[in-house]
Amino acid sequence: MQELAVRAIVRQSTERVQAPCSTCLVKDAGLCSMLIGKDRSNGTANTLPLAQNFAIAQPREIICRAKQPSEHFYVICEGWAFRFHRLQNGRRHILSFLIVGDVVSNFSIFTGSSEFATQALTDVRFCKFDRDQIRARLLQKPEIFEEWLARSVVMLRRVDRAGVALGRLQAHEKIAWLILQLRDRLDANGMINGDAIEFPLRQSHIADAMGLTTVHVCRVLNSLRKQGVFAIEDGVLRISDLAVLRRIANVM
């Protein structure tokens, strides 16, 4: 694991990759559009350009470490990642999954570090903004600060609902809730085309996110598949009955 992290750090510091902004699926809706696009208050381009460095991490590589000071603010451009905490006994809890347009840690702009580590789930392309420049722009541009604040509120609400799901839902409700909220986030980003949805999560990821064992996750997934609700196969999610999925998940 340490060797993977070292390789990631070396590649991030040496490899320059083509900026993917022109093909980004959420370039008009994401926070990046506010940071590097036009000033929405007057329609003119932002006069102070932000430094952007793009890097790639392979699956299982660490994008940022917990509580490690960083000069950068990270945004996911392509791929999937997740934030996690490793207990002293080696057990892992996944706090959230990150997709295109997500920031690794909203509050790191002001705190200087992320409370938890972030790891690549798939091949991930991400942008590293200069943290001091981002903070200055937030403080100078009220409309950008309001956008950042609104996104922070959405993130906190998601965390609150995840806490309810972990604490009070039954196993099949937990898994349905996780599948549904990821599906809805992908849909909001325009990343769903037809009935086949890219879904790289393994049973171990679902287990670590929902506080279950992989055996229990396997049992629940098989049950939901037999009921004709959804199925996950070869990294693809197919939801057969979205209404039933919502009914199972929306018990909160």
Protein backbone atom coordinates (compact mmCIF):
# COMPACT_ATOMS: atom_id res chain seq x y z
CA MET A 1 0.00 0.00 0.00
CA GLN A 2 2.83 2.41 0.86
CA GLU A 3 4.53 1.64 -2.46
CA LEU A 4 1.32 2.49 -4.33
CA ALA A 5 1.04 5.79 -2.49
CA VAL A 6 4.67 6.67 -3.26
CA ARG A 7 4.18 5.93 -6.96
CA ALA A 8 1.08 8.12 -6.98
CA ILE A 9 2.90 11.03 -5.36
CA VAL A 10 5.80 10.74 -7.78
CA ARG A 11 3.54 10.62 -10.82
CA GLN A 12 1.37 13.51 -9.62
CA SER A 13 4.43 15.70 -9.23
CA THR A 14 6.03 14.78 -12.55
CA GLU A 15 3.31 13.89 -15.03
CA ARG A 16 1.45 16.63 -16.86
CA VAL A 17 -1.83 15.61 -18.42
CA GLN A 18 -4.05 17.45 -20.82
CA ALA A 19 -6.63 19.65 -19.14
CA PRO A 20 -9.99 17.85 -19.46
CA CYS A 21 -12.11 20.98 -18.84
CA SER A 22 -13.36 21.19 -22.43
CA THR A 23 -14.93 17.72 -22.21
CA CYS A 24 -16.00 17.81 -18.57
CA LEU A 25 -19.58 16.61 -18.06
CA VAL A 26 -20.28 19.15 -15.33
CA LYS A 27 -18.23 22.10 -16.55
CA ASP A 28 -21.28 24.39 -16.64
CA ALA A 29 -22.78 23.21 -13.36
CA GLY A 30 -19.78 22.42 -11.19
CA LEU A 31 -17.88 24.66 -8.85
CA CYS A 32 -15.05 24.80 -11.39
CA SER A 33 -17.20 26.88 -13.75
CA MET A 34 -17.41 29.53 -11.07
CA LEU A 35 -13.72 29.36 -10.29
CA ILE A 36 -12.23 29.41 -13.79
CA GLY A 37 -15.15 30.45 -15.98
CA LYS A 38 -16.97 33.72 -16.38
CA ASP A 39 -17.90 36.02 -13.56
CA ARG A 40 -21.67 35.51 -13.30
CA SER A 41 -22.17 38.95 -11.81
CA ASN A 42 -21.24 40.72 -15.04
CA GLY A 43 -20.67 37.99 -17.63
CA THR A 44 -16.99 38.81 -18.10
CA ALA A 45 -14.10 36.41 -17.76
CA ASN A 46 -12.44 36.19 -14.39
CA THR A 47 -9.45 38.51 -14.52
CA LEU A 48 -7.24 36.57 -12.12
CA PRO A 49 -6.39 33.17 -13.61
CA LEU A 50 -6.10 30.23 -11.24
CA ALA A 51 -3.18 27.84 -11.36
CA GLN A 52 -4.35 24.35 -12.35
CA ASN A 53 -2.31 21.16 -12.24
CA PHE A 54 -3.83 17.94 -13.54
CA ALA A 55 -2.75 14.51 -12.35
CA ILE A 56 -3.81 10.87 -12.64
CA ALA A 57 -4.12 8.25 -9.92
CA GLN A 58 -4.59 4.54 -10.54
CA PRO A 59 -7.02 2.35 -8.58
CA ARG A 60 -6.10 2.03 -4.88
CA GLU A 61 -3.69 4.95 -4.99
CA ILE A 62 -3.98 7.68 -2.38
CA ILE A 63 -4.98 11.09 -3.76
CA CYS A 64 -4.59 12.90 -0.46
CA ARG A 65 -3.75 11.75 3.05
CA ALA A 66 -5.69 12.41 6.22
CA LYS A 67 -4.69 15.49 8.23
CA GLN A 68 -1.69 16.14 5.99
CA PRO A 69 -1.21 19.84 5.21
CA SER A 70 -1.60 20.59 1.53
CA GLU A 71 -1.19 23.66 -0.65
CA HIS A 72 -3.81 22.31 -3.03
CA PHE A 73 -7.58 21.97 -3.36
CA TYR A 74 -8.66 18.85 -5.26
CA VAL A 75 -11.52 18.39 -7.75
CA ILE A 76 -12.38 15.07 -9.43
CA CYS A 77 -12.39 15.41 -13.24
CA GLU A 78 -12.85 11.79 -14.32
CA GLY A 79 -13.36 8.49 -12.54
CA TRP A 80 -14.46 7.44 -9.07
CA ALA A 81 -12.79 7.88 -5.68
CA PHE A 82 -13.81 7.57 -2.05
CA ARG A 83 -13.07 9.17 1.31
CA PHE A 84 -12.30 6.72 4.09
CA HIS A 85 -11.02 6.22 7.61
CA ARG A 86 -8.86 3.31 8.70
CA LEU A 87 -9.33 2.12 12.28
CA GLN A 88 -6.39 1.03 14.41
CA ASN A 89 -7.40 -2.61 14.04
CA GLY A 90 -7.24 -2.28 10.23
CA ARG A 91 -10.95 -2.08 9.54
CA ARG A 92 -12.02 0.54 6.99
CA HIS A 93 -15.05 2.77 6.89
CA ILE A 94 -15.93 4.53 3.62
CA LEU A 95 -17.50 7.89 4.33
CA SER A 96 -18.47 8.92 0.81
CA PHE A 97 -17.92 8.19 -2.87
CA LEU A 98 -16.66 10.93 -5.19
CA ILE A 99 -17.63 11.29 -8.84
CA VAL A 100 -17.01 13.86 -11.58
CA GLY A 101 -17.25 17.41 -10.28
CA ASP A 102 -16.92 16.50 -6.60
CA VAL A 103 -14.33 18.17 -4.42
CA VAL A 104 -12.24 16.01 -2.14
CA SER A 105 -12.81 18.20 0.91
CA ASN A 106 -14.76 21.46 0.79
CA PHE A 107 -13.45 22.75 4.08
CA SER A 108 -9.78 22.10 3.28
CA ILE A 109 -9.81 25.48 1.55
CA PHE A 110 -9.74 27.07 4.98
CA THR A 111 -8.37 24.30 7.21
CA GLY A 112 -5.40 23.45 5.00
CA SER A 113 -5.92 19.68 5.24
CA SER A 114 -8.56 17.00 4.88
CA GLU A 115 -9.81 15.18 7.96
CA PHE A 116 -9.90 11.86 6.08
CA ALA A 117 -7.88 10.20 3.32
CA THR A 118 -9.08 9.91 -0.28
CA GLN A 119 -8.32 6.89 -2.47
CA ALA A 120 -8.89 6.25 -6.18
CA LEU A 121 -11.50 3.58 -6.88
CA THR A 122 -10.95 3.62 -10.65
CA ASP A 123 -8.45 5.48 -12.77
CA VAL A 124 -8.97 9.05 -11.61
CA ARG A 125 -8.02 12.30 -13.27
CA PHE A 126 -8.14 15.22 -10.88
CA CYS A 127 -7.27 18.89 -10.76
CA LYS A 128 -5.14 20.49 -8.08
CA PHE A 129 -5.96 24.17 -7.54
CA ASP A 130 -3.75 26.40 -5.45
CA ARG A 131 -5.52 26.58 -2.09
CA ASP A 132 -4.51 30.17 -1.30
CA GLN A 133 -5.76 31.37 -4.69
CA ILE A 134 -9.09 29.58 -4.21
CA ARG A 135 -9.52 31.03 -0.74
CA ALA A 136 -8.75 34.53 -2.00
CA ARG A 137 -11.29 34.18 -4.81
CA LEU A 138 -13.98 32.97 -2.42
CA LEU A 139 -13.40 35.93 -0.14
CA GLN A 140 -13.28 38.43 -3.01
CA LYS A 141 -16.30 37.13 -4.93
CA PRO A 142 -19.50 36.83 -2.85
CA GLU A 143 -21.31 34.86 -5.57
CA ILE A 144 -18.55 32.25 -5.66
CA PHE A 145 -18.49 32.02 -1.87
CA GLU A 146 -22.27 31.51 -1.88
CA GLU A 147 -21.90 28.72 -4.46
CA TRP A 148 -19.21 27.06 -2.36
CA LEU A 149 -21.36 27.42 0.75
CA ALA A 150 -24.41 25.95 -1.00
CA ARG A 151 -22.39 22.92 -2.09
CA SER A 152 -21.03 22.52 1.43
CA VAL A 153 -24.59 22.47 2.77
CA VAL A 154 -25.56 19.77 0.26
CA MET A 155 -22.55 17.72 1.36
CA LEU A 156 -23.44 18.10 5.04
CA ARG A 157 -27.04 17.07 4.39
CA ARG A 158 -25.76 14.01 2.58
CA VAL A 159 -23.57 13.18 5.57
CA ASP A 160 -26.52 13.57 7.94
CA ARG A 161 -28.69 11.25 5.86
CA ALA A 162 -25.86 8.72 5.67
CA GLY A 163 -25.71 8.78 9.47
CA VAL A 164 -29.43 8.00 9.67
CA ALA A 165 -29.04 5.20 7.12
CA LEU A 166 -26.14 3.65 9.01
CA GLY A 167 -27.83 3.92 12.38
CA ARG A 168 -31.43 2.98 11.72
CA LEU A 169 -31.97 1.26 8.36
CA GLN A 170 -32.02 -2.48 7.83
CA ALA A 171 -29.45 -4.05 5.51
CA HIS A 172 -31.61 -4.14 2.37
CA GLU A 173 -32.72 -0.54 3.03
CA LYS A 174 -29.12 0.61 3.52
CA ILE A 175 -27.99 -0.90 0.24
CA ALA A 176 -31.02 0.40 -1.65
CA TRP A 177 -30.39 3.86 -0.19
CA LEU A 178 -26.73 3.81 -1.27
CA ILE A 179 -27.58 2.63 -4.80
CA LEU A 180 -30.32 5.24 -5.16
CA GLN A 181 -28.35 8.24 -3.96
CA LEU A 182 -25.42 7.33 -6.22
CA ARG A 183 -27.80 6.81 -9.13
CA ASP A 184 -29.45 10.20 -8.54
CA ARG A 185 -26.08 11.97 -8.27
CA LEU A 186 -24.94 10.42 -11.56
CA ASP A 187 -28.23 11.38 -13.18
CA ALA A 188 -27.88 14.99 -11.99
CA ASN A 189 -24.46 15.08 -13.68
CA GLY A 190 -25.85 13.72 -16.96
CA MET A 191 -23.87 10.49 -16.57
CA ILE A 192 -26.75 8.06 -17.15
CA ASN A 193 -27.46 6.98 -20.71
CA GLY A 194 -30.02 4.21 -21.00
CA ASP A 195 -30.38 1.45 -18.44
CA ALA A 196 -26.68 0.62 -18.06
CA ILE A 197 -24.82 2.68 -15.47
CA GLU A 198 -21.10 2.50 -14.78
CA PHE A 199 -20.80 1.18 -11.24
CA PRO A 200 -17.28 0.17 -10.19
CA LEU A 201 -18.13 -0.51 -6.53
CA ARG A 202 -17.36 -4.01 -5.33
CA GLN A 203 -19.23 -5.76 -2.56
CA SER A 204 -16.41 -4.84 -0.17
CA HIS A 205 -16.93 -1.13 -0.92
CA ILE A 206 -20.66 -1.39 -0.25
CA ALA A 207 -19.96 -3.31 2.95
CA ASP A 208 -17.44 -0.76 4.21
CA ALA A 209 -19.75 2.13 3.37
CA MET A 210 -22.84 0.64 5.01
CA GLY A 211 -21.29 -1.10 8.04
CA LEU A 212 -22.08 -4.61 6.79
CA THR A 213 -20.12 -7.76 6.03
CA THR A 214 -19.42 -8.74 2.44
CA VAL A 215 -21.37 -11.98 3.02
CA HIS A 216 -24.44 -9.99 4.07
CA VAL A 217 -24.05 -7.61 1.12
CA CYS A 218 -23.84 -10.55 -1.28
CA ARG A 219 -27.00 -12.05 0.21
CA VAL A 220 -28.95 -8.78 -0.06
CA LEU A 221 -27.77 -8.06 -3.62
CA ASN A 222 -28.86 -11.53 -4.73
CA SER A 223 -32.24 -11.03 -3.08
CA LEU A 224 -32.84 -7.65 -4.73
CA ARG A 225 -31.73 -9.08 -8.07
CA LYS A 226 -34.19 -11.99 -7.78
CA GLN A 227 -36.94 -9.50 -6.88
CA GLY A 228 -36.22 -7.69 -10.16
CA VAL A 229 -35.18 -4.41 -8.49
CA PHE A 230 -31.61 -4.05 -9.81
CA ALA A 231 -28.51 -6.05 -10.65
CA ILE A 232 -24.78 -5.32 -10.61
CA GLU A 233 -22.64 -7.30 -13.02
CA ASP A 234 -19.15 -6.67 -14.45
CA GLY A 235 -19.04 -3.10 -13.17
CA VAL A 236 -22.45 -2.20 -14.60
CA LEU A 237 -25.60 -1.35 -12.64
CA ARG A 238 -28.98 -2.02 -14.23
CA ILE A 239 -32.04 -0.81 -12.34
CA SER A 240 -35.11 -2.75 -13.45
CA ASP A 241 -37.66 -1.13 -11.14
CA LEU A 242 -36.71 2.38 -10.02
CA ALA A 243 -40.05 2.91 -8.27
CA VAL A 244 -39.53 -0.13 -6.04
CA LEU A 245 -35.94 0.91 -5.37
CA ARG A 246 -37.14 4.36 -4.23
CA ARG A 247 -39.81 2.79 -2.04
CA ILE A 248 -37.26 0.56 -0.31
CA ALA A 249 -34.71 3.37 0.12
CA ASN A 250 -36.99 6.29 0.99
CA VAL A 251 -37.98 5.17 4.46
CA MET A 252 -36.35 8.11 6.21
